[in-house]
C-alpha atoms as a PDB file:
ATOM      1  CA  MET A   1      64.377 156.178 167.818  1.00  0.00           C
ATOM      2  CA  SER A   2      65.100 156.393 164.107  1.00  0.00           C
ATOM      3  CA  ASP A   3      66.838 153.266 161.998  1.00  0.00           C
ATOM      4  CA  THR A   4      70.057 155.846 162.186  1.00  0.00           C
ATOM      5  CA  SER A   5      73.238 153.655 163.040  1.00  0.00           C
ATOM      6  CA  TYR A   6      74.965 154.354 166.348  1.00  0.00           C
ATOM      7  CA  ALA A   7      77.892 153.805 164.245  1.00  0.00           C
ATOM      8  CA  VAL A   8      77.549 157.084 162.520  1.00  0.00           C
ATOM      9  CA  SER A   9      78.162 158.643 166.098  1.00  0.00           C
ATOM     10  CA  ALA A  10      81.337 157.452 166.350  1.00  0.00           C
ATOM     11  CA  LYS A  11      82.126 158.188 162.868  1.00  0.00           C
ATOM     12  CA  ALA A  12      80.565 162.074 163.490  1.00  0.00           C
ATOM     13  CA  ARG A  13      82.617 162.441 166.839  1.00  0.00           C
ATOM     14  CA  ALA A  14      85.587 161.041 165.138  1.00  0.00           C
ATOM     15  CA  LYS A  15      85.424 163.955 162.782  1.00  0.00           C
ATOM     16  CA  TYR A  16      84.816 166.593 164.831  1.00  0.00           C
ATOM     17  CA  GLY A  17      88.214 165.457 166.795  1.00  0.00           C
ATOM     18  CA  ARG A  18      90.188 166.944 163.424  1.00  0.00           C
ATOM     19  CA  PHE A  19      88.397 170.034 163.300  1.00  0.00           C
ATOM     20  CA  LEU A  20      91.002 172.910 164.002  1.00  0.00           C
ATOM     21  CA  THR A  21      92.364 173.762 167.829  1.00  0.00           C
ATOM     22  CA  ASP A  22      92.362 177.080 169.164  1.00  0.00           C
ATOM     23  CA  ARG A  23      96.471 176.332 168.540  1.00  0.00           C
ATOM     24  CA  ASP A  24      95.227 176.202 164.530  1.00  0.00           C
ATOM     25  CA  TYR A  25      93.301 179.475 164.452  1.00  0.00           C
ATOM     26  CA  THR A  26      96.174 181.607 166.477  1.00  0.00           C
ATOM     27  CA  ASN A  27      98.498 180.150 164.185  1.00  0.00           C
ATOM     28  CA  ILE A  28      96.408 181.224 161.184  1.00  0.00           C
ATOM     29  CA  LEU A  29      96.033 184.126 162.688  1.00  0.00           C
ATOM     30  CA  ALA A  30      99.320 184.634 162.205  1.00  0.00           C
ATOM     31  CA  CYS A  31      99.906 184.082 158.571  1.00  0.00           C
ATOM     32  CA  GLN A  32     100.718 186.763 156.268  1.00  0.00           C
ATOM     33  CA  SER A  33      99.100 185.787 153.492  1.00  0.00           C
ATOM     34  CA  VAL A  34      96.078 183.452 151.542  1.00  0.00           C
ATOM     35  CA  PRO A  35      99.347 181.311 150.585  1.00  0.00           C
ATOM     36  CA  GLU A  36     100.490 180.981 153.835  1.00  0.00           C
ATOM     37  CA  VAL A  37      96.963 180.309 155.163  1.00  0.00           C
ATOM     38  CA  MET A  38      96.854 177.703 152.480  1.00  0.00           C
ATOM     39  CA  VAL A  39      99.854 176.110 153.364  1.00  0.00           C
ATOM     40  CA  TYR A  40      99.327 175.739 156.995  1.00  0.00           C
ATOM     41  CA  LEU A  41      95.736 174.131 156.380  1.00  0.00           C
ATOM     42  CA  LYS A  42      97.349 171.602 153.577  1.00  0.00           C
ATOM     43  CA  SER A  43      99.951 171.044 156.303  1.00  0.00           C
ATOM     44  CA  HIS A  44      98.566 170.992 159.787  1.00  0.00           C
ATOM     45  CA  THR A  45      94.710 170.327 159.065  1.00  0.00           C
ATOM     46  CA  HIS A  46      91.939 167.868 158.181  1.00  0.00           C
ATOM     47  CA  PHE A  47      91.696 170.140 155.358  1.00  0.00           C
ATOM     48  CA  ALA A  48      94.331 168.487 153.302  1.00  0.00           C
ATOM     49  CA  SER A  49      93.423 165.773 151.179  1.00  0.00           C
ATOM     50  CA  ILE A  50      91.263 168.477 149.349  1.00  0.00           C
ATOM     51  CA  LEU A  51      94.141 170.473 149.062  1.00  0.00           C
ATOM     52  CA  ARG A  52      97.057 168.456 148.202  1.00  0.00           C
ATOM     53  CA  GLY A  53      98.291 169.052 144.838  1.00  0.00           C
ATOM     54  CA  VAL A  54      97.467 172.870 144.311  1.00  0.00           C
ATOM     55  CA  ASN A  55      99.933 174.869 144.278  1.00  0.00           C
ATOM     56  CA  GLU A  56      99.352 177.668 147.280  1.00  0.00           C
ATOM     57  CA  ARG A  57     100.973 180.071 144.419  1.00  0.00           C
ATOM     58  CA  ASP A  58      98.461 179.473 141.911  1.00  0.00           C
ATOM     59  CA  VAL A  59      95.163 179.402 144.215  1.00  0.00           C
ATOM     60  CA  HIS A  60      93.167 182.932 144.589  1.00  0.00           C
ATOM     61  CA  ARG A  61      91.282 183.259 147.864  1.00  0.00           C
ATOM     62  CA  GLY A  62      88.107 182.421 145.582  1.00  0.00           C
ATOM     63  CA  ARG A  63      89.143 178.986 144.696  1.00  0.00           C
ATOM     64  CA  LEU A  64      90.361 178.276 147.867  1.00  0.00           C
ATOM     65  CA  GLU A  65      87.015 179.265 149.060  1.00  0.00           C
ATOM     66  CA  ILE A  66      85.024 176.755 146.819  1.00  0.00           C
ATOM     67  CA  LEU A  67      87.494 173.940 147.666  1.00  0.00           C
ATOM     68  CA  LEU A  68      87.051 174.443 151.081  1.00  0.00           C
ATOM     69  CA  ARG A  69      83.531 174.155 150.507  1.00  0.00           C
ATOM     70  CA  GLN A  70      83.279 171.468 148.476  1.00  0.00           C
ATOM     71  CA  TYR A  71      85.593 169.296 151.061  1.00  0.00           C
ATOM     72  CA  GLN A  72      82.617 170.347 153.884  1.00  0.00           C
ATOM     73  CA  PHE A  73      80.207 169.374 151.814  1.00  0.00           C
ATOM     74  CA  ASN A  74      81.445 165.730 150.818  1.00  0.00           C
ATOM     75  CA  GLU A  75      82.193 165.582 154.658  1.00  0.00           C
ATOM     76  CA  ILE A  76      78.889 166.207 155.406  1.00  0.00           C
ATOM     77  CA  ASP A  77      77.454 164.326 152.381  1.00  0.00           C
ATOM     78  CA  SER A  78      79.723 161.082 153.158  1.00  0.00           C
ATOM     79  CA  LEU A  79      78.156 161.391 156.736  1.00  0.00           C
ATOM     80  CA  CYS A  80      74.601 161.690 155.910  1.00  0.00           C
ATOM     81  CA  ARG A  81      74.934 158.540 153.481  1.00  0.00           C
ATOM     82  CA  TYR A  82      76.359 156.198 155.743  1.00  0.00           C
ATOM     83  CA  ASP A  83      73.187 155.145 156.787  1.00  0.00           C
ATOM     84  CA  SER A  84      69.767 154.731 155.952  1.00  0.00           C
ATOM     85  CA  GLY A  85      66.695 156.431 157.579  1.00  0.00           C
ATOM     86  CA  ILE A  86      66.698 160.147 158.697  1.00  0.00           C
ATOM     87  CA  SER A  87      69.863 160.659 157.187  1.00  0.00           C
ATOM     88  CA  ALA A  88      68.669 160.698 153.869  1.00  0.00           C
ATOM     89  CA  GLY A  89      66.638 163.124 154.787  1.00  0.00           C
ATOM     90  CA  PHE A  90      69.302 164.962 155.965  1.00  0.00           C
ATOM     91  CA  SER A  91      71.712 164.779 152.652  1.00  0.00           C
ATOM     92  CA  ARG A  92      68.681 166.126 150.889  1.00  0.00           C
ATOM     93  CA  TYR A  93      68.286 168.935 153.341  1.00  0.00           C
ATOM     94  CA  VAL A  94      71.905 170.104 152.516  1.00  0.00           C
ATOM     95  CA  VAL A  95      71.784 169.970 148.676  1.00  0.00           C
ATOM     96  CA  GLU A  96      68.543 172.271 148.903  1.00  0.00           C
ATOM     97  CA  ARG A  97      70.432 174.720 151.153  1.00  0.00           C
ATOM     98  CA  THR A  98      73.094 174.926 148.835  1.00  0.00           C
ATOM     99  CA  GLU A  99      70.711 175.152 145.617  1.00  0.00           C
ATOM    100  CA  VAL A 100      68.496 178.068 147.373  1.00  0.00           C
ATOM    101  CA  GLU A 101      72.226 179.901 148.216  1.00  0.00           C
ATOM    102  CA  GLN A 102      72.849 179.144 144.547  1.00  0.00           C
ATOM    103  CA  LEU A 103      69.534 180.575 143.183  1.00  0.00           C
ATOM    104  CA  VAL A 104      69.927 183.400 145.511  1.00  0.00           C
ATOM    105  CA  ARG A 105      73.013 184.688 144.452  1.00  0.00           C
ATOM    106  CA  TYR A 106      72.018 184.121 140.839  1.00  0.00           C
ATOM    107  CA  LEU A 107      69.265 186.817 141.465  1.00  0.00           C
ATOM    108  CA  ILE A 108      71.038 189.188 143.311  1.00  0.00           C
ATOM    109  CA  LEU A 109      73.306 189.114 140.169  1.00  0.00           C
ATOM    110  CA  LEU A 110      70.643 189.766 138.067  1.00  0.00           C
ATOM    111  CA  ASN A 111      69.302 192.893 139.787  1.00  0.00           C
ATOM    112  CA  SER A 112      73.173 194.275 139.885  1.00  0.00           C
ATOM    113  CA  HIS A 113      73.127 193.223 135.647  1.00  0.00           C
ATOM    114  CA  ALA A 114      75.927 191.116 136.656  1.00  0.00           C
ATOM    115  CA  THR A 115      74.760 187.331 135.734  1.00  0.00           C
ATOM    116  CA  GLU A 116      78.084 186.523 133.939  1.00  0.00           C
ATOM    117  CA  LYS A 117      79.695 186.162 136.860  1.00  0.00           C
ATOM    118  CA  PHE A 118      77.248 183.136 138.508  1.00  0.00           C
ATOM    119  CA  ILE A 119      79.332 180.155 136.391  1.00  0.00           C
ATOM    120  CA  PHE A 120      82.742 181.428 137.603  1.00  0.00           C
ATOM    121  CA  GLN A 121      81.785 181.117 141.736  1.00  0.00           C
ATOM    122  CA  TYR A 122      79.256 178.026 141.092  1.00  0.00           C
ATOM    123  CA  PRO A 123      80.339 175.153 143.416  1.00  0.00           C
ATOM    124  CA  ALA A 124      80.839 172.252 140.710  1.00  0.00           C
ATOM    125  CA  TYR A 125      80.769 169.867 143.345  1.00  0.00           C
ATOM    126  CA  LEU A 126      76.911 170.225 143.310  1.00  0.00           C
ATOM    127  CA  SER A 127      76.048 169.242 139.842  1.00  0.00           C
ATOM    128  CA  LYS A 128      75.887 165.273 140.881  1.00  0.00           C
ATOM    129  CA  HIS A 129      73.613 165.814 143.453  1.00  0.00           C
ATOM    130  CA  THR A 130      71.211 168.309 142.037  1.00  0.00           C
ATOM    131  CA  ASP A 131      68.546 168.496 139.492  1.00  0.00           C
ATOM    132  CA  LEU A 132      69.579 172.156 138.708  1.00  0.00           C
ATOM    133  CA  ASP A 133      70.677 172.883 134.620  1.00  0.00           C
ATOM    134  CA  ILE A 134      73.559 175.169 135.423  1.00  0.00           C
ATOM    135  CA  ASN A 135      73.904 175.887 131.864  1.00  0.00           C
ATOM    136  CA  LEU A 136      70.399 176.954 131.572  1.00  0.00           C
ATOM    137  CA  ILE A 137      70.330 178.846 134.592  1.00  0.00           C
ATOM    138  CA  ALA A 138      73.780 180.760 133.644  1.00  0.00           C
ATOM    139  CA  ASN A 139      72.675 181.685 130.572  1.00  0.00           C
ATOM    140  CA  ALA A 140      69.598 183.222 131.659  1.00  0.00           C
ATOM    141  CA  GLN A 141      69.718 187.162 130.794  1.00  0.00           C
ATOM    142  CA  ASN A 142      66.532 187.730 132.590  1.00  0.00           C
ATOM    143  CA  TYR A 143      64.103 186.732 135.379  1.00  0.00           C
ATOM    144  CA  GLU A 144      61.503 184.979 132.897  1.00  0.00           C
ATOM    145  CA  GLU A 145      64.603 182.659 131.253  1.00  0.00           C
ATOM    146  CA  PHE A 146      65.613 182.554 134.968  1.00  0.00           C
ATOM    147  CA  LEU A 147      61.779 180.593 135.438  1.00  0.00           C
ATOM    148  CA  ALA A 148      62.201 178.563 132.432  1.00  0.00           C
ATOM    149  CA  ALA A 149      65.460 177.007 133.608  1.00  0.00           C
ATOM    150  CA  LEU A 150      63.826 175.734 136.342  1.00  0.00           C
ATOM    151  CA  VAL A 151      60.604 174.678 135.280  1.00  0.00           C
ATOM    152  CA  LYS A 152      60.948 171.453 136.181  1.00  0.00           C
ATOM    153  CA  THR A 153      62.621 172.282 139.574  1.00  0.00           C
ATOM    154  CA  GLN A 154      60.780 171.946 143.027  1.00  0.00           C
ATOM    155  CA  TYR A 155      61.097 175.696 143.034  1.00  0.00           C
ATOM    156  CA  TYR A 156      59.716 176.964 140.095  1.00  0.00           C
ATOM    157  CA  ASP A 157      55.849 177.601 141.527  1.00  0.00           C
ATOM    158  CA  ILE A 158      57.637 179.298 144.338  1.00  0.00           C
ATOM    159  CA  LEU A 159      59.108 181.496 142.127  1.00  0.00           C
ATOM    160  CA  THR A 160      56.204 182.031 139.786  1.00  0.00           C
ATOM    161  CA  ALA A 161      54.509 184.353 142.377  1.00  0.00           C
ATOM    162  CA  PHE A 162      57.626 187.278 141.765  1.00  0.00           C
ATOM    163  CA  HIS A 163      58.002 189.734 139.194  1.00  0.00           C
ATOM    164  CA  PRO A 164      60.613 192.609 138.737  1.00  0.00           C
ATOM    165  CA  ASP A 165      59.415 195.851 139.436  1.00  0.00           C
ATOM    166  CA  GLU A 166      58.833 198.714 137.136  1.00  0.00           C
ATOM    167  CA  LYS A 167      63.172 199.224 137.378  1.00  0.00           C
ATOM    168  CA  GLY A 168      63.555 195.611 136.686  1.00  0.00           C
ATOM    169  CA  ARG A 169      64.521 194.651 140.518  1.00  0.00           C
ATOM    170  CA  LEU A 170      63.397 191.836 142.380  1.00  0.00           C
ATOM    171  CA  PRO A 171      62.615 191.493 146.000  1.00  0.00           C
ATOM    172  CA  ILE A 172      65.190 189.201 147.092  1.00  0.00           C
ATOM    173  CA  SER A 173      64.306 189.476 150.767  1.00  0.00           C
ATOM    174  CA  GLU A 174      61.348 188.072 150.232  1.00  0.00           C
ATOM    175  CA  ILE A 175      61.808 185.290 147.873  1.00  0.00           C
ATOM    176  CA  GLU A 176      64.890 184.385 150.140  1.00  0.00           C
ATOM    177  CA  ASN A 177      62.063 184.047 152.798  1.00  0.00           C
ATOM    178  CA  ARG A 178      60.106 181.613 150.834  1.00  0.00           C
ATOM    179  CA  LEU A 179      62.775 179.141 149.298  1.00  0.00           C
ATOM    180  CA  TYR A 180      64.423 178.835 153.124  1.00  0.00           C
ATOM    181  CA  THR A 181      60.916 178.193 154.325  1.00  0.00           C
ATOM    182  CA  PHE A 182      60.160 176.140 151.594  1.00  0.00           C
ATOM    183  CA  ILE A 183      63.162 173.894 152.719  1.00  0.00           C
ATOM    184  CA  TYR A 184      62.641 174.295 156.646  1.00  0.00           C
ATOM    185  CA  GLN A 185      59.326 172.694 156.327  1.00  0.00           C
ATOM    186  CA  HIS A 186      60.823 169.579 154.647  1.00  0.00           C
ATOM    187  CA  MET A 187      63.542 169.073 157.379  1.00  0.00           C
ATOM    188  CA  HIS A 188      60.213 169.692 159.658  1.00  0.00           C
ATOM    189  CA  GLU A 189      58.057 166.806 158.473  1.00  0.00           C
ATOM    190  CA  LEU A 190      61.420 164.817 157.806  1.00  0.00           C
ATOM    191  CA  ILE A 191      61.694 165.232 161.881  1.00  0.00           C
ATOM    192  CA  LEU A 192      58.108 164.823 162.808  1.00  0.00           C
ATOM    193  CA  LYS A 193      57.828 161.599 160.174  1.00  0.00           C
ATOM    194  CA  ARG A 194      60.586 159.735 161.102  1.00  0.00           C
ATOM    195  CA  THR A 195      61.191 160.771 164.881  1.00  0.00           C
ATOM    196  CA  LYS A 196      59.203 160.855 168.320  1.00  0.00           C
ATOM    197  CA  GLY A 197      59.766 161.153 171.842  1.00  0.00           C
ATOM    198  CA  ASN A 198      63.436 162.222 173.328  1.00  0.00           C
ATOM    199  CA  GLU A 199      65.151 162.358 169.557  1.00  0.00           C
ATOM    200  CA  ARG A 200      62.596 164.673 168.298  1.00  0.00           C
ATOM    201  CA  GLN A 201      62.354 166.820 171.048  1.00  0.00           C
ATOM    202  CA  GLU A 202      66.224 167.154 170.869  1.00  0.00           C
ATOM    203  CA  LEU A 203      66.289 167.243 166.455  1.00  0.00           C
ATOM    204  CA  MET A 204      63.495 169.975 166.999  1.00  0.00           C
ATOM    205  CA  ASP A 205      65.297 172.085 169.641  1.00  0.00           C
ATOM    206  CA  ILE A 206      68.779 172.049 167.390  1.00  0.00           C
ATOM    207  CA  PHE A 207      66.804 173.052 163.947  1.00  0.00           C
ATOM    208  CA  ARG A 208      64.600 175.780 166.073  1.00  0.00           C
ATOM    209  CA  LYS A 209      67.580 177.352 166.979  1.00  0.00           C
ATOM    210  CA  LEU A 210      68.648 177.084 162.955  1.00  0.00           C
ATOM    211  CA  ASN A 211      65.587 179.121 162.640  1.00  0.00           C
ATOM    212  CA  ASP A 212      65.674 181.662 165.393  1.00  0.00           C
ATOM    213  CA  TYR A 213      69.241 182.754 163.746  1.00  0.00           C
ATOM    214  CA  SER A 214      67.654 182.659 160.094  1.00  0.00           C
ATOM    215  CA  ILE A 215      65.471 185.701 161.008  1.00  0.00           C
ATOM    216  CA  VAL A 216      67.595 187.559 163.543  1.00  0.00           C
ATOM    217  CA  SER A 217      69.793 187.900 161.211  1.00  0.00           C
ATOM    218  CA  ARG A 218      67.066 188.425 158.370  1.00  0.00           C
ATOM    219  CA  ILE A 219      65.888 191.331 160.477  1.00  0.00           C
ATOM    220  CA  ILE A 220      69.379 192.857 161.113  1.00  0.00           C
ATOM    221  CA  ARG A 221      70.210 192.925 157.198  1.00  0.00           C
ATOM    222  CA  MET A 222      67.051 194.363 156.303  1.00  0.00           C
ATOM    223  CA  LYS A 223      67.817 197.001 158.439  1.00  0.00           C
ATOM    224  CA  ARG A 224      71.086 197.435 157.847  1.00  0.00           C
ATOM    225  CA  SER A 225      71.670 196.580 153.831  1.00  0.00           C
ATOM    226  CA  PHE A 226      68.276 197.538 152.515  1.00  0.00           C
ATOM    227  CA  HIS A 227      66.593 199.941 155.851  1.00  0.00           C
ATOM    228  CA  LEU A 228      63.343 198.018 154.870  1.00  0.00           C
ATOM    229  CA  PRO A 229      60.619 199.692 157.425  1.00  0.00           C
ATOM    230  CA  PRO A 230      59.314 197.567 159.924  1.00  0.00           C
ATOM    231  CA  GLU A 231      55.620 196.480 158.442  1.00  0.00           C
ATOM    232  CA  VAL A 232      57.878 195.068 155.392  1.00  0.00           C
ATOM    233  CA  ILE A 233      60.447 193.339 157.727  1.00  0.00           C
ATOM    234  CA  LYS A 234      57.395 191.537 159.671  1.00  0.00           C
ATOM    235  CA  SER A 235      56.088 190.197 156.554  1.00  0.00           C
ATOM    236  CA  ASN A 236      59.347 188.318 155.923  1.00  0.00           C
ATOM    237  CA  MET A 237      59.071 186.774 158.942  1.00  0.00           C
ATOM    238  CA  THR A 238      58.115 182.827 159.206  1.00  0.00           C
ATOM    239  CA  LEU A 239      57.992 181.996 162.796  1.00  0.00           C
ATOM    240  CA  GLU A 240      56.339 178.388 162.949  1.00  0.00           C
ATOM    241  CA  TYR A 241      59.681 176.717 162.621  1.00  0.00           C
ATOM    242  CA  GLY A 242      61.311 178.768 165.230  1.00  0.00           C
ATOM    243  CA  SER A 243      61.437 179.326 168.925  1.00  0.00           C
ATOM    244  CA  LEU A 244      61.536 183.441 168.878  1.00  0.00           C
ATOM    245  CA  SER A 245      57.862 184.831 170.138  1.00  0.00           C
ATOM    246  CA  PRO A 246      55.944 187.022 167.776  1.00  0.00           C
ATOM    247  CA  LYS A 247      56.572 189.311 170.710  1.00  0.00           C
ATOM    248  CA  LEU A 248      60.047 189.456 170.782  1.00  0.00           C
ATOM    249  CA  VAL A 249      60.362 189.260 166.741  1.00  0.00           C
ATOM    250  CA  GLY A 250      57.582 192.577 166.575  1.00  0.00           C
ATOM    251  CA  LYS A 251      60.018 194.287 168.666  1.00  0.00           C
ATOM    252  CA  MET A 252      63.344 193.681 166.669  1.00  0.00           C
ATOM    253  CA  CYS A 253      61.310 194.373 163.474  1.00  0.00           C
ATOM    254  CA  ASP A 254      60.124 198.276 164.599  1.00  0.00           C
ATOM    255  CA  ALA A 255      63.682 198.752 166.649  1.00  0.00           C
ATOM    256  CA  GLU A 256      64.606 201.994 164.735  1.00  0.00           C
ATOM    257  CA  THR A 257      68.742 200.933 164.610  1.00  0.00           C
ATOM    258  CA  VAL A 258      70.400 197.611 164.294  1.00  0.00           C
ATOM    259  CA  GLU A 259      72.086 198.356 167.696  1.00  0.00           C
ATOM    260  CA  GLU A 260      69.046 198.587 169.438  1.00  0.00           C
ATOM    261  CA  VAL A 261      68.032 194.904 167.908  1.00  0.00           C
ATOM    262  CA  TYR A 262      71.161 193.988 169.833  1.00  0.00           C
ATOM    263  CA  ALA A 263      70.030 195.898 172.843  1.00  0.00           C
ATOM    264  CA  ILE A 264      66.486 193.824 172.934  1.00  0.00           C
ATOM    265  CA  LEU A 265      68.431 190.562 172.329  1.00  0.00           C
ATOM    266  CA  ARG A 266      70.382 191.394 175.412  1.00  0.00           C
ATOM    267  CA  ALA A 267      66.997 191.091 177.650  1.00  0.00           C
ATOM    268  CA  THR A 268      66.235 187.788 176.299  1.00  0.00           C
ATOM    269  CA  LYS A 269      67.638 184.700 177.152  1.00  0.00           C
ATOM    270  CA  TYR A 270      70.143 184.470 174.401  1.00  0.00           C
ATOM    271  CA  GLY A 271      72.195 187.066 176.303  1.00  0.00           C
ATOM    272  CA  ARG A 272      73.526 184.586 178.318  1.00  0.00           C
ATOM    273  CA  TYR A 273      76.035 183.774 175.317  1.00  0.00           C
ATOM    274  CA  LEU A 274      76.927 186.845 174.891  1.00  0.00           C
ATOM    275  CA  ASP A 275      80.396 188.853 175.625  1.00  0.00           C
ATOM    276  CA  GLN A 276      79.041 192.439 177.000  1.00  0.00           C
ATOM    277  CA  ALA A 277      82.432 193.641 175.799  1.00  0.00           C
ATOM    278  CA  GLU A 278      82.214 192.426 172.287  1.00  0.00           C
ATOM    279  CA  ASP A 279      80.227 193.759 169.868  1.00  0.00           C
ATOM    280  CA  ASP A 280      81.384 191.539 167.276  1.00  0.00           C
ATOM    281  CA  LYS A 281      79.642 188.665 169.298  1.00  0.00           C
ATOM    282  CA  VAL A 282      76.709 190.218 169.425  1.00  0.00           C
ATOM    283  CA  LYS A 283      76.481 190.117 165.511  1.00  0.00           C
ATOM    284  CA  ASN A 284      77.040 187.117 165.595  1.00  0.00           C
ATOM    285  CA  ILE A 285      74.424 185.148 168.522  1.00  0.00           C
ATOM    286  CA  GLY A 286      72.635 183.523 166.119  1.00  0.00           C
ATOM    287  CA  LEU A 287      75.399 181.327 165.194  1.00  0.00           C
ATOM    288  CA  THR A 288      77.257 181.284 168.803  1.00  0.00           C
ATOM    289  CA  VAL A 289      73.445 180.010 170.088  1.00  0.00           C
ATOM    290  CA  GLN A 290      73.486 177.347 167.348  1.00  0.00           C
ATOM    291  CA  TYR A 291      77.372 176.266 167.899  1.00  0.00           C
ATOM    292  CA  LYS A 292      77.336 176.020 171.820  1.00  0.00           C
ATOM    293  CA  THR A 293      73.363 174.085 171.084  1.00  0.00           C
ATOM    294  CA  SER A 294      75.206 171.770 168.621  1.00  0.00           C
ATOM    295  CA  LYS A 295      78.670 171.081 170.473  1.00  0.00           C
ATOM    296  CA  ARG A 296      76.495 170.508 173.684  1.00  0.00           C
ATOM    297  CA  TYR A 297      74.377 167.537 171.749  1.00  0.00           C
ATOM    298  CA  LEU A 298      77.156 166.316 169.669  1.00  0.00           C
ATOM    299  CA  HIS A 299      78.884 165.360 172.714  1.00  0.00           C
ATOM    300  CA  PHE A 300      76.117 164.206 175.571  1.00  0.00           C
ATOM    301  CA  SER A 301      72.893 163.328 173.068  1.00  0.00           C
ATOM    302  CA  GLY A 302      72.463 159.020 172.503  1.00  0.00           C
ATOM    303  CA  ASN A 303      70.477 159.613 170.116  1.00  0.00           C
ATOM    304  CA  PRO A 304      72.800 159.335 166.455  1.00  0.00           C
ATOM    305  CA  SER A 305      70.646 161.152 164.170  1.00  0.00           C
ATOM    306  CA  VAL A 306      70.962 164.166 166.745  1.00  0.00           C
ATOM    307  CA  VAL A 307      74.575 164.168 166.834  1.00  0.00           C
ATOM    308  CA  MET A 308      74.209 164.342 162.755  1.00  0.00           C
ATOM    309  CA  LEU A 309      72.800 167.234 162.867  1.00  0.00           C
ATOM    310  CA  ALA A 310      75.116 168.520 165.491  1.00  0.00           C
ATOM    311  CA  PHE A 311      78.115 167.484 163.376  1.00  0.00           C
ATOM    312  CA  ILE A 312      76.338 168.886 160.299  1.00  0.00           C
ATOM    313  CA  PHE A 313      75.897 172.305 161.573  1.00  0.00           C
ATOM    314  CA  LEU A 314      79.526 172.575 163.973  1.00  0.00           C
ATOM    315  CA  SER A 315      81.192 171.806 160.104  1.00  0.00           C
ATOM    316  CA  GLU A 316      79.349 174.677 158.936  1.00  0.00           C
ATOM    317  CA  THR A 317      80.566 176.663 161.834  1.00  0.00           C
ATOM    318  CA  GLU A 318      83.899 175.852 161.428  1.00  0.00           C
ATOM    319  CA  LEU A 319      84.546 176.523 157.769  1.00  0.00           C
ATOM    320  CA  MET A 320      82.506 180.198 158.255  1.00  0.00           C
ATOM    321  CA  ASN A 321      85.022 180.444 160.704  1.00  0.00           C
ATOM    322  CA  VAL A 322      88.361 179.775 158.566  1.00  0.00           C
ATOM    323  CA  ILE A 323      86.795 181.965 155.891  1.00  0.00           C
ATOM    324  CA  SER A 324      86.698 184.910 158.052  1.00  0.00           C
ATOM    325  CA  LEU A 325      90.697 183.893 159.007  1.00  0.00           C
ATOM    326  CA  ILE A 326      90.895 184.019 155.170  1.00  0.00           C
ATOM    327  CA  GLU A 327      89.146 187.386 154.705  1.00  0.00           C
ATOM    328  CA  GLY A 328      91.000 188.682 157.181  1.00  0.00           C
ATOM    329  CA  VAL A 329      94.206 188.026 156.817  1.00  0.00           C
ATOM    330  CA  ARG A 330      93.731 189.028 152.767  1.00  0.00           C
ATOM    331  CA  TYR A 331      92.715 192.285 153.836  1.00  0.00           C
ATOM    332  CA  ARG A 332      95.162 193.281 156.379  1.00  0.00           C
ATOM    333  CA  LEU A 333      92.703 193.202 159.173  1.00  0.00           C
ATOM    334  CA  ASP A 334      93.771 193.631 162.961  1.00  0.00           C
ATOM    335  CA  PRO A 335      93.739 189.522 164.379  1.00  0.00           C
ATOM    336  CA  LYS A 336      92.120 190.673 167.048  1.00  0.00           C
ATOM    337  CA  HIS A 337      89.447 192.289 165.350  1.00  0.00           C
ATOM    338  CA  ILE A 338      89.449 188.888 162.553  1.00  0.00           C
ATOM    339  CA  GLU A 339      89.489 186.629 166.542  1.00  0.00           C
ATOM    340  CA  SER A 340      86.230 188.275 167.467  1.00  0.00           C
ATOM    341  CA  LEU A 341      84.884 186.979 164.589  1.00  0.00           C
ATOM    342  CA  LEU A 342      85.615 183.800 165.593  1.00  0.00           C
ATOM    343  CA  ILE A 343      82.717 181.459 166.842  1.00  0.00           C
ATOM    344  CA  ARG A 344      83.732 179.072 169.568  1.00  0.00           C
END
């Protein structure tokens, strides 16, 4: 067993005990505006500490989301730094994943000639945890300047392999795949180096579920948003860190429609996690599997590092649920539709 303290398990479970309940979700669904949602979060949930002192009449949806992400990041970081050993690696993983999210977001904006928007949604709380030079990145006007801003970072060698096409557009999906594979490799190496036996087995199970979700969501996104052919989608898949078989992934890549991808998934072991009547749940199959797996390990694992990793994923799921609620209320969607998007 790694040297992660058992006190971490108690701390993680205590934090999880303050997560939003079904009653909280129902009450938020009844809100008529984003300010009402904020008032509820500030008055009745564990998000109160980050929202204290913020006037709900002056905060817009984007600012509220940033505050909630900051709170969630700090909660995870404080737990990871509560102890030594593998927890430090988990903390680094959270930072690296946030870095990759921001790099990909900049490149999407670069493809859209809208990089001036980057700085306004950049999570300022990341600055003290990262080596990325936010000012250089934000001021980059093209891909060459973007690369120059990253020359001293671990991402530079990966990104130099890519170039804009004749229209000046970058292969975002390929870049995203390479970057996430890079940080998944770090996590994989960490688990193999720091753990053994049952602890390693449980951590790898959670980790593989994360990668399975990444693979499925990438296939669906490339089909739905980019309409890419099967051979291109297959070239963007990294299967070594997941549990999905090459045959299954190949079938999903070859599927002519997203609906066919869902049908293929229904025929697998993951189908047991789905409500056959709710198509929106199918779209979130990866998150559903990851959520149920993490919840089980948080409650029943005897390994502190496993409880910690499970908490990280459960915390991220809760945040996604809250953001879905805020978006749904903002656009006045049917409460039943919003509820169908929640992972519980």
